[in-house]
């Protein structure tokens, strides 16, 4: 209800829109990608 994730530009770009931020949201945020290679 506060954050929204989306992919753009041929799915090689991802965004995280963060609204109504709270102090407990404080952190280092890391982007992650996963590709399946032979399972």
ModelCIF file with pLDDT and N, C-alpha, C, O atoms, coordinates in Angstrom:
data_MODEL
#
_entry.id   MODEL 
#
_entity.id                         1 
_entity.type                       polymer 
_entity.pdbx_number_of_molecules   1 
#
_entity_poly.entity_id                      1 
_entity_poly.type                           'polypeptide(L)' 
_entity_poly.nstd_linkage                   no 
_entity_poly.nstd_monomer                   no 
_entity_poly.pdbx_seq_one_letter_code       
;(UNK)(UNK)(UNK)(UNK)(UNK)(UNK)(UNK)(UNK)(UNK)(UNK)(UNK)(UNK)(UNK)(UNK)(UNK)(UNK)
(UNK)(UNK)(UNK)(UNK)(UNK)(UNK)(UNK)(UNK)(UNK)(UNK)(UNK)(UNK)(UNK)(UNK)(UNK)(UNK)
(UNK)(UNK)(UNK)(UNK)(UNK)(UNK)(UNK)
;
_entity_poly.pdbx_seq_one_letter_code_can   XXXXXXXXXXXXXXXXXXXXXXXXXXXXXXXXXXXXXXX 
_entity_poly.pdbx_strand_id                 A 
#
loop_
_entity_poly_seq.entity_id 
_entity_poly_seq.num 
_entity_poly_seq.mon_id 
_entity_poly_seq.hetero 
1 1  UNK n 
1 2  UNK n 
1 3  UNK n 
1 4  UNK n 
1 5  UNK n 
1 6  UNK n 
1 7  UNK n 
1 8  UNK n 
1 9  UNK n 
1 10 UNK n 
1 11 UNK n 
1 12 UNK n 
1 13 UNK n 
1 14 UNK n 
1 15 UNK n 
1 16 UNK n 
1 17 UNK n 
1 18 UNK n 
1 19 UNK n 
1 20 UNK n 
1 21 UNK n 
1 22 UNK n 
1 23 UNK n 
1 24 UNK n 
1 25 UNK n 
1 26 UNK n 
1 27 UNK n 
1 28 UNK n 
1 29 UNK n 
1 30 UNK n 
1 31 UNK n 
1 32 UNK n 
1 33 UNK n 
1 34 UNK n 
1 35 UNK n 
1 36 UNK n 
1 37 UNK n 
1 38 UNK n 
1 39 UNK n 
#
_struct_asym.id          A 
_struct_asym.entity_id   1 
#
loop_
_ma_qa_metric.id 
_ma_qa_metric.mode 
_ma_qa_metric.name 
_ma_qa_metric.software_group_id 
_ma_qa_metric.type 
1 global pLDDT . pLDDT 
2 local  pLDDT . pLDDT 
#
_ma_qa_metric_global.metric_id      1 
_ma_qa_metric_global.metric_value   92.56 
_ma_qa_metric_global.model_id       1 
_ma_qa_metric_global.ordinal_id     1 
#
loop_
_ma_qa_metric_local.label_asym_id 
_ma_qa_metric_local.label_comp_id 
_ma_qa_metric_local.label_seq_id 
_ma_qa_metric_local.metric_id 
_ma_qa_metric_local.metric_value 
_ma_qa_metric_local.model_id 
_ma_qa_metric_local.ordinal_id 
A UNK 1  2 98.00 1 1  
A UNK 2  2 98.00 1 2  
A UNK 3  2 98.00 1 3  
A UNK 4  2 98.00 1 4  
A UNK 5  2 97.00 1 5  
A UNK 6  2 94.00 1 6  
A UNK 7  2 90.00 1 7  
A UNK 8  2 85.00 1 8  
A UNK 9  2 72.00 1 9  
A UNK 10 2 73.00 1 10 
A UNK 11 2 70.00 1 11 
A UNK 12 2 86.00 1 12 
A UNK 13 2 90.00 1 13 
A UNK 14 2 94.00 1 14 
A UNK 15 2 96.00 1 15 
A UNK 16 2 98.00 1 16 
A UNK 17 2 98.00 1 17 
A UNK 18 2 98.00 1 18 
A UNK 19 2 98.00 1 19 
A UNK 20 2 98.00 1 20 
A UNK 21 2 98.00 1 21 
A UNK 22 2 98.00 1 22 
A UNK 23 2 98.00 1 23 
A UNK 24 2 97.00 1 24 
A UNK 25 2 98.00 1 25 
A UNK 26 2 98.00 1 26 
A UNK 27 2 98.00 1 27 
A UNK 28 2 98.00 1 28 
A UNK 29 2 98.00 1 29 
A UNK 30 2 98.00 1 30 
A UNK 31 2 97.00 1 31 
A UNK 32 2 95.00 1 32 
A UNK 33 2 94.00 1 33 
A UNK 34 2 92.00 1 34 
A UNK 35 2 87.00 1 35 
A UNK 36 2 83.00 1 36 
A UNK 37 2 83.00 1 37 
A UNK 38 2 86.00 1 38 
A UNK 39 2 85.00 1 39 
#
loop_
_atom_site.group_PDB 
_atom_site.id 
_atom_site.type_symbol 
_atom_site.label_atom_id 
_atom_site.label_alt_id 
_atom_site.label_comp_id 
_atom_site.label_asym_id 
_atom_site.label_entity_id 
_atom_site.label_seq_id 
_atom_site.pdbx_PDB_ins_code 
_atom_site.Cartn_x 
_atom_site.Cartn_y 
_atom_site.Cartn_z 
_atom_site.occupancy 
_atom_site.B_iso_or_equiv 
_atom_site.pdbx_formal_charge 
_atom_site.auth_seq_id 
_atom_site.auth_comp_id 
_atom_site.auth_asym_id 
_atom_site.auth_atom_id 
_atom_site.pdbx_PDB_model_num 
ATOM 1   N N  . UNK A 1 1  ? 0.789  -1.213  0.000   1.00 98.00 ? 1  UNK A N  1 
ATOM 2   C CA . UNK A 1 1  ? 0.000  0.000   0.000   1.00 98.00 ? 1  UNK A CA 1 
ATOM 3   C C  . UNK A 1 1  ? 0.822  1.263   0.000   1.00 98.00 ? 1  UNK A C  1 
ATOM 4   O O  . UNK A 1 1  ? 0.284  2.350   -0.214  1.00 98.00 ? 1  UNK A O  1 
ATOM 5   N N  . UNK A 1 2  ? 2.134  1.144   0.239   1.00 98.00 ? 2  UNK A N  1 
ATOM 6   C CA . UNK A 1 2  ? 3.007  2.312   0.277   1.00 98.00 ? 2  UNK A CA 1 
ATOM 7   C C  . UNK A 1 2  ? 4.055  2.298   -0.834  1.00 98.00 ? 2  UNK A C  1 
ATOM 8   O O  . UNK A 1 2  ? 4.404  3.349   -1.371  1.00 98.00 ? 2  UNK A O  1 
ATOM 9   N N  . UNK A 1 3  ? 4.554  1.116   -1.179  1.00 98.00 ? 3  UNK A N  1 
ATOM 10  C CA . UNK A 1 3  ? 5.602  0.986   -2.189  1.00 98.00 ? 3  UNK A CA 1 
ATOM 11  C C  . UNK A 1 3  ? 5.040  0.366   -3.459  1.00 98.00 ? 3  UNK A C  1 
ATOM 12  O O  . UNK A 1 3  ? 4.108  -0.437  -3.407  1.00 98.00 ? 3  UNK A O  1 
ATOM 13  N N  . UNK A 1 4  ? 5.607  0.742   -4.599  1.00 98.00 ? 4  UNK A N  1 
ATOM 14  C CA . UNK A 1 4  ? 5.227  0.177   -5.887  1.00 98.00 ? 4  UNK A CA 1 
ATOM 15  C C  . UNK A 1 4  ? 6.474  -0.131  -6.696  1.00 98.00 ? 4  UNK A C  1 
ATOM 16  O O  . UNK A 1 4  ? 7.330  0.735   -6.877  1.00 98.00 ? 4  UNK A O  1 
ATOM 17  N N  . UNK A 1 5  ? 6.580  -1.366  -7.188  1.00 97.00 ? 5  UNK A N  1 
ATOM 18  C CA . UNK A 1 5  ? 7.705  -1.764  -8.016  1.00 97.00 ? 5  UNK A CA 1 
ATOM 19  C C  . UNK A 1 5  ? 7.245  -1.868  -9.468  1.00 97.00 ? 5  UNK A C  1 
ATOM 20  O O  . UNK A 1 5  ? 6.116  -2.276  -9.739  1.00 97.00 ? 5  UNK A O  1 
ATOM 21  N N  . UNK A 1 6  ? 8.121  -1.499  -10.398 1.00 94.00 ? 6  UNK A N  1 
ATOM 22  C CA . UNK A 1 6  ? 7.789  -1.573  -11.814 1.00 94.00 ? 6  UNK A CA 1 
ATOM 23  C C  . UNK A 1 6  ? 9.056  -1.786  -12.632 1.00 94.00 ? 6  UNK A C  1 
ATOM 24  O O  . UNK A 1 6  ? 10.155 -1.443  -12.196 1.00 94.00 ? 6  UNK A O  1 
ATOM 25  N N  . UNK A 1 7  ? 8.887  -2.364  -13.840 1.00 90.00 ? 7  UNK A N  1 
ATOM 26  C CA . UNK A 1 7  ? 9.992  -2.595  -14.761 1.00 90.00 ? 7  UNK A CA 1 
ATOM 27  C C  . UNK A 1 7  ? 9.728  -1.844  -16.058 1.00 90.00 ? 7  UNK A C  1 
ATOM 28  O O  . UNK A 1 7  ? 8.594  -1.786  -16.534 1.00 90.00 ? 7  UNK A O  1 
ATOM 29  N N  . UNK A 1 8  ? 10.786 -1.271  -16.626 1.00 85.00 ? 8  UNK A N  1 
ATOM 30  C CA . UNK A 1 8  ? 10.679 -0.486  -17.847 1.00 85.00 ? 8  UNK A CA 1 
ATOM 31  C C  . UNK A 1 8  ? 11.916 -0.689  -18.716 1.00 85.00 ? 8  UNK A C  1 
ATOM 32  O O  . UNK A 1 8  ? 12.864 -1.374  -18.330 1.00 85.00 ? 8  UNK A O  1 
ATOM 33  N N  . UNK A 1 9  ? 11.881 -0.078  -19.899 1.00 72.00 ? 9  UNK A N  1 
ATOM 34  C CA . UNK A 1 9  ? 13.019 -0.088  -20.821 1.00 72.00 ? 9  UNK A CA 1 
ATOM 35  C C  . UNK A 1 9  ? 13.496 -1.492  -21.137 1.00 72.00 ? 9  UNK A C  1 
ATOM 36  O O  . UNK A 1 9  ? 14.644 -1.849  -20.870 1.00 72.00 ? 9  UNK A O  1 
ATOM 37  N N  . UNK A 1 10 ? 12.593 -2.291  -21.714 1.00 73.00 ? 10 UNK A N  1 
ATOM 38  C CA . UNK A 1 10 ? 12.942 -3.649  -22.078 1.00 73.00 ? 10 UNK A CA 1 
ATOM 39  C C  . UNK A 1 10 ? 13.197 -4.533  -20.867 1.00 73.00 ? 10 UNK A C  1 
ATOM 40  O O  . UNK A 1 10 ? 13.921 -5.525  -20.951 1.00 73.00 ? 10 UNK A O  1 
ATOM 41  N N  . UNK A 1 11 ? 12.598 -4.166  -19.742 1.00 70.00 ? 11 UNK A N  1 
ATOM 42  C CA . UNK A 1 11 ? 12.687 -4.926  -18.494 1.00 70.00 ? 11 UNK A CA 1 
ATOM 43  C C  . UNK A 1 11 ? 14.089 -4.932  -17.893 1.00 70.00 ? 11 UNK A C  1 
ATOM 44  O O  . UNK A 1 11 ? 14.378 -5.751  -17.021 1.00 70.00 ? 11 UNK A O  1 
ATOM 45  N N  . UNK A 1 12 ? 14.960 -4.038  -18.343 1.00 86.00 ? 12 UNK A N  1 
ATOM 46  C CA . UNK A 1 12 ? 16.295 -3.957  -17.759 1.00 86.00 ? 12 UNK A CA 1 
ATOM 47  C C  . UNK A 1 12 ? 16.412 -2.842  -16.722 1.00 86.00 ? 12 UNK A C  1 
ATOM 48  O O  . UNK A 1 12 ? 17.494 -2.604  -16.186 1.00 86.00 ? 12 UNK A O  1 
ATOM 49  N N  . UNK A 1 13 ? 15.325 -2.172  -16.443 1.00 90.00 ? 13 UNK A N  1 
ATOM 50  C CA . UNK A 1 13 ? 15.294 -1.126  -15.439 1.00 90.00 ? 13 UNK A CA 1 
ATOM 51  C C  . UNK A 1 13 ? 14.139 -1.393  -14.483 1.00 90.00 ? 13 UNK A C  1 
ATOM 52  O O  . UNK A 1 13 ? 13.026 -1.696  -14.914 1.00 90.00 ? 13 UNK A O  1 
ATOM 53  N N  . UNK A 1 14 ? 14.401 -1.280  -13.209 1.00 94.00 ? 14 UNK A N  1 
ATOM 54  C CA . UNK A 1 14 ? 13.365 -1.483  -12.212 1.00 94.00 ? 14 UNK A CA 1 
ATOM 55  C C  . UNK A 1 14 ? 13.333 -0.283  -11.281 1.00 94.00 ? 14 UNK A C  1 
ATOM 56  O O  . UNK A 1 14 ? 14.372 0.259   -10.907 1.00 94.00 ? 14 UNK A O  1 
ATOM 57  N N  . UNK A 1 15 ? 12.127 0.122   -10.915 1.00 96.00 ? 15 UNK A N  1 
ATOM 58  C CA . UNK A 1 15 ? 11.927 1.247   -10.024 1.00 96.00 ? 15 UNK A CA 1 
ATOM 59  C C  . UNK A 1 15 ? 11.210 0.791   -8.763  1.00 96.00 ? 15 UNK A C  1 
ATOM 60  O O  . UNK A 1 15 ? 10.465 -0.188  -8.771  1.00 96.00 ? 15 UNK A O  1 
ATOM 61  N N  . UNK A 1 16 ? 11.447 1.505   -7.702  1.00 98.00 ? 16 UNK A N  1 
ATOM 62  C CA . UNK A 1 16 ? 10.701 1.308   -6.474  1.00 98.00 ? 16 UNK A CA 1 
ATOM 63  C C  . UNK A 1 16 ? 10.219 2.669   -6.003  1.00 98.00 ? 16 UNK A C  1 
ATOM 64  O O  . UNK A 1 16 ? 10.998 3.471   -5.487  1.00 98.00 ? 16 UNK A O  1 
ATOM 65  N N  . UNK A 1 17 ? 8.934  2.923   -6.185  1.00 98.00 ? 17 UNK A N  1 
ATOM 66  C CA . UNK A 1 17 ? 8.324  4.150   -5.695  1.00 98.00 ? 17 UNK A CA 1 
ATOM 67  C C  . UNK A 1 17 ? 7.929  3.936   -4.246  1.00 98.00 ? 17 UNK A C  1 
ATOM 68  O O  . UNK A 1 17 ? 7.139  3.044   -3.937  1.00 98.00 ? 17 UNK A O  1 
ATOM 69  N N  . UNK A 1 18 ? 8.474  4.747   -3.363  1.00 98.00 ? 18 UNK A N  1 
ATOM 70  C CA . UNK A 1 18 ? 8.241  4.603   -1.933  1.00 98.00 ? 18 UNK A CA 1 
ATOM 71  C C  . UNK A 1 18 ? 7.512  5.834   -1.422  1.00 98.00 ? 18 UNK A C  1 
ATOM 72  O O  . UNK A 1 18 ? 8.050  6.942   -1.438  1.00 98.00 ? 18 UNK A O  1 
ATOM 73  N N  . UNK A 1 19 ? 6.284  5.627   -0.970  1.00 98.00 ? 19 UNK A N  1 
ATOM 74  C CA . UNK A 1 19 ? 5.470  6.703   -0.431  1.00 98.00 ? 19 UNK A CA 1 
ATOM 75  C C  . UNK A 1 19 ? 5.205  6.471   1.050   1.00 98.00 ? 19 UNK A C  1 
ATOM 76  O O  . UNK A 1 19 ? 5.345  5.356   1.553   1.00 98.00 ? 19 UNK A O  1 
ATOM 77  N N  . UNK A 1 20 ? 4.823  7.534   1.734   1.00 98.00 ? 20 UNK A N  1 
ATOM 78  C CA . UNK A 1 20 ? 4.521  7.464   3.160   1.00 98.00 ? 20 UNK A CA 1 
ATOM 79  C C  . UNK A 1 20 ? 5.634  6.739   3.916   1.00 98.00 ? 20 UNK A C  1 
ATOM 80  O O  . UNK A 1 20 ? 5.384  5.796   4.666   1.00 98.00 ? 20 UNK A O  1 
ATOM 81  N N  . UNK A 1 21 ? 6.841  7.192   3.706   1.00 98.00 ? 21 UNK A N  1 
ATOM 82  C CA . UNK A 1 21 ? 7.986  6.540   4.325   1.00 98.00 ? 21 UNK A CA 1 
ATOM 83  C C  . UNK A 1 21 ? 7.966  6.676   5.838   1.00 98.00 ? 21 UNK A C  1 
ATOM 84  O O  . UNK A 1 21 ? 7.533  7.690   6.386   1.00 98.00 ? 21 UNK A O  1 
ATOM 85  N N  . UNK A 1 22 ? 8.443  5.635   6.492   1.00 98.00 ? 22 UNK A N  1 
ATOM 86  C CA . UNK A 1 22 ? 8.494  5.574   7.942   1.00 98.00 ? 22 UNK A CA 1 
ATOM 87  C C  . UNK A 1 22 ? 9.934  5.382   8.398   1.00 98.00 ? 22 UNK A C  1 
ATOM 88  O O  . UNK A 1 22 ? 10.758 4.878   7.636   1.00 98.00 ? 22 UNK A O  1 
ATOM 89  N N  . UNK A 1 23 ? 10.252 5.778   9.635   1.00 98.00 ? 23 UNK A N  1 
ATOM 90  C CA . UNK A 1 23 ? 11.617 5.583   10.129  1.00 98.00 ? 23 UNK A CA 1 
ATOM 91  C C  . UNK A 1 23 ? 12.095 4.138   10.027  1.00 98.00 ? 23 UNK A C  1 
ATOM 92  O O  . UNK A 1 23 ? 13.280 3.898   9.794   1.00 98.00 ? 23 UNK A O  1 
ATOM 93  N N  . UNK A 1 24 ? 11.206 3.184   10.195  1.00 97.00 ? 24 UNK A N  1 
ATOM 94  C CA . UNK A 1 24 ? 11.587 1.780   10.097  1.00 97.00 ? 24 UNK A CA 1 
ATOM 95  C C  . UNK A 1 24 ? 11.928 1.346   8.678   1.00 97.00 ? 24 UNK A C  1 
ATOM 96  O O  . UNK A 1 24 ? 12.397 0.227   8.473   1.00 97.00 ? 24 UNK A O  1 
ATOM 97  N N  . UNK A 1 25 ? 11.700 2.210   7.699   1.00 98.00 ? 25 UNK A N  1 
ATOM 98  C CA . UNK A 1 25 ? 12.115 1.934   6.331   1.00 98.00 ? 25 UNK A CA 1 
ATOM 99  C C  . UNK A 1 25 ? 13.592 2.246   6.116   1.00 98.00 ? 25 UNK A C  1 
ATOM 100 O O  . UNK A 1 25 ? 14.149 1.900   5.074   1.00 98.00 ? 25 UNK A O  1 
ATOM 101 N N  . UNK A 1 26 ? 14.224 2.885   7.071   1.00 98.00 ? 26 UNK A N  1 
ATOM 102 C CA . UNK A 1 26 ? 15.631 3.233   6.959   1.00 98.00 ? 26 UNK A CA 1 
ATOM 103 C C  . UNK A 1 26 ? 16.475 1.976   6.787   1.00 98.00 ? 26 UNK A C  1 
ATOM 104 O O  . UNK A 1 26 ? 16.401 1.056   7.602   1.00 98.00 ? 26 UNK A O  1 
ATOM 105 N N  . UNK A 1 27 ? 17.278 1.939   5.724   1.00 98.00 ? 27 UNK A N  1 
ATOM 106 C CA . UNK A 1 27 ? 18.098 0.769   5.424   1.00 98.00 ? 27 UNK A CA 1 
ATOM 107 C C  . UNK A 1 27 ? 18.922 1.057   4.181   1.00 98.00 ? 27 UNK A C  1 
ATOM 108 O O  . UNK A 1 27 ? 18.726 2.068   3.505   1.00 98.00 ? 27 UNK A O  1 
ATOM 109 N N  . UNK A 1 28 ? 19.842 0.157   3.892   1.00 98.00 ? 28 UNK A N  1 
ATOM 110 C CA . UNK A 1 28 ? 20.487 0.141   2.594   1.00 98.00 ? 28 UNK A CA 1 
ATOM 111 C C  . UNK A 1 28 ? 19.641 -0.732  1.685   1.00 98.00 ? 28 UNK A C  1 
ATOM 112 O O  . UNK A 1 28 ? 19.358 -1.886  2.007   1.00 98.00 ? 28 UNK A O  1 
ATOM 113 N N  . UNK A 1 29 ? 19.245 -0.187  0.564   1.00 98.00 ? 29 UNK A N  1 
ATOM 114 C CA . UNK A 1 29 ? 18.398 -0.898  -0.383  1.00 98.00 ? 29 UNK A CA 1 
ATOM 115 C C  . UNK A 1 29 ? 19.243 -1.429  -1.529  1.00 98.00 ? 29 UNK A C  1 
ATOM 116 O O  . UNK A 1 29 ? 20.027 -0.696  -2.131  1.00 98.00 ? 29 UNK A O  1 
ATOM 117 N N  . UNK A 1 30 ? 19.074 -2.714  -1.823  1.00 98.00 ? 30 UNK A N  1 
ATOM 118 C CA . UNK A 1 30 ? 19.851 -3.388  -2.850  1.00 98.00 ? 30 UNK A CA 1 
ATOM 119 C C  . UNK A 1 30 ? 18.958 -3.872  -3.978  1.00 98.00 ? 30 UNK A C  1 
ATOM 120 O O  . UNK A 1 30 ? 17.913 -4.476  -3.738  1.00 98.00 ? 30 UNK A O  1 
ATOM 121 N N  . UNK A 1 31 ? 19.367 -3.608  -5.193  1.00 97.00 ? 31 UNK A N  1 
ATOM 122 C CA . UNK A 1 31 ? 18.690 -4.139  -6.367  1.00 97.00 ? 31 UNK A CA 1 
ATOM 123 C C  . UNK A 1 31 ? 19.168 -5.558  -6.630  1.00 97.00 ? 31 UNK A C  1 
ATOM 124 O O  . UNK A 1 31 ? 20.339 -5.876  -6.420  1.00 97.00 ? 31 UNK A O  1 
ATOM 125 N N  . UNK A 1 32 ? 18.269 -6.397  -7.083  1.00 95.00 ? 32 UNK A N  1 
ATOM 126 C CA . UNK A 1 32 ? 18.555 -7.799  -7.323  1.00 95.00 ? 32 UNK A CA 1 
ATOM 127 C C  . UNK A 1 32 ? 17.969 -8.236  -8.654  1.00 95.00 ? 32 UNK A C  1 
ATOM 128 O O  . UNK A 1 32 ? 16.881 -7.799  -9.030  1.00 95.00 ? 32 UNK A O  1 
ATOM 129 N N  . UNK A 1 33 ? 18.681 -9.093  -9.366  1.00 94.00 ? 33 UNK A N  1 
ATOM 130 C CA . UNK A 1 33 ? 18.157 -9.699  -10.578 1.00 94.00 ? 33 UNK A CA 1 
ATOM 131 C C  . UNK A 1 33 ? 18.431 -11.189 -10.554 1.00 94.00 ? 33 UNK A C  1 
ATOM 132 O O  . UNK A 1 33 ? 19.435 -11.638 -10.000 1.00 94.00 ? 33 UNK A O  1 
ATOM 133 N N  . UNK A 1 34 ? 17.535 -11.950 -11.156 1.00 92.00 ? 34 UNK A N  1 
ATOM 134 C CA . UNK A 1 34 ? 17.677 -13.399 -11.225 1.00 92.00 ? 34 UNK A CA 1 
ATOM 135 C C  . UNK A 1 34 ? 17.400 -13.866 -12.643 1.00 92.00 ? 34 UNK A C  1 
ATOM 136 O O  . UNK A 1 34 ? 16.366 -13.538 -13.226 1.00 92.00 ? 34 UNK A O  1 
ATOM 137 N N  . UNK A 1 35 ? 18.325 -14.631 -13.189 1.00 87.00 ? 35 UNK A N  1 
ATOM 138 C CA . UNK A 1 35 ? 18.152 -15.255 -14.490 1.00 87.00 ? 35 UNK A CA 1 
ATOM 139 C C  . UNK A 1 35 ? 18.298 -16.762 -14.330 1.00 87.00 ? 35 UNK A C  1 
ATOM 140 O O  . UNK A 1 35 ? 19.191 -17.232 -13.626 1.00 87.00 ? 35 UNK A O  1 
ATOM 141 N N  . UNK A 1 36 ? 17.428 -17.513 -14.978 1.00 83.00 ? 36 UNK A N  1 
ATOM 142 C CA . UNK A 1 36 ? 17.499 -18.970 -14.911 1.00 83.00 ? 36 UNK A CA 1 
ATOM 143 C C  . UNK A 1 36 ? 18.401 -19.492 -16.015 1.00 83.00 ? 36 UNK A C  1 
ATOM 144 O O  . UNK A 1 36 ? 18.180 -19.197 -17.189 1.00 83.00 ? 36 UNK A O  1 
ATOM 145 N N  . UNK A 1 37 ? 19.410 -20.261 -15.653 1.00 83.00 ? 37 UNK A N  1 
ATOM 146 C CA . UNK A 1 37 ? 20.343 -20.859 -16.592 1.00 83.00 ? 37 UNK A CA 1 
ATOM 147 C C  . UNK A 1 37 ? 20.362 -22.357 -16.352 1.00 83.00 ? 37 UNK A C  1 
ATOM 148 O O  . UNK A 1 37 ? 20.905 -22.829 -15.353 1.00 83.00 ? 37 UNK A O  1 
ATOM 149 N N  . UNK A 1 38 ? 19.766 -23.105 -17.277 1.00 86.00 ? 38 UNK A N  1 
ATOM 150 C CA . UNK A 1 38 ? 19.635 -24.562 -17.167 1.00 86.00 ? 38 UNK A CA 1 
ATOM 151 C C  . UNK A 1 38 ? 19.033 -24.927 -15.806 1.00 86.00 ? 38 UNK A C  1 
ATOM 152 O O  . UNK A 1 38 ? 19.520 -25.812 -15.104 1.00 86.00 ? 38 UNK A O  1 
ATOM 153 N N  . UNK A 1 39 ? 17.984 -24.231 -15.469 1.00 85.00 ? 39 UNK A N  1 
ATOM 154 C CA . UNK A 1 39 ? 17.270 -24.522 -14.246 1.00 85.00 ? 39 UNK A CA 1 
ATOM 155 C C  . UNK A 1 39 ? 17.919 -24.004 -12.982 1.00 85.00 ? 39 UNK A C  1 
ATOM 156 O O  . UNK A 1 39 ? 17.388 -24.201 -11.889 1.00 85.00 ? 39 UNK A O  1 
#
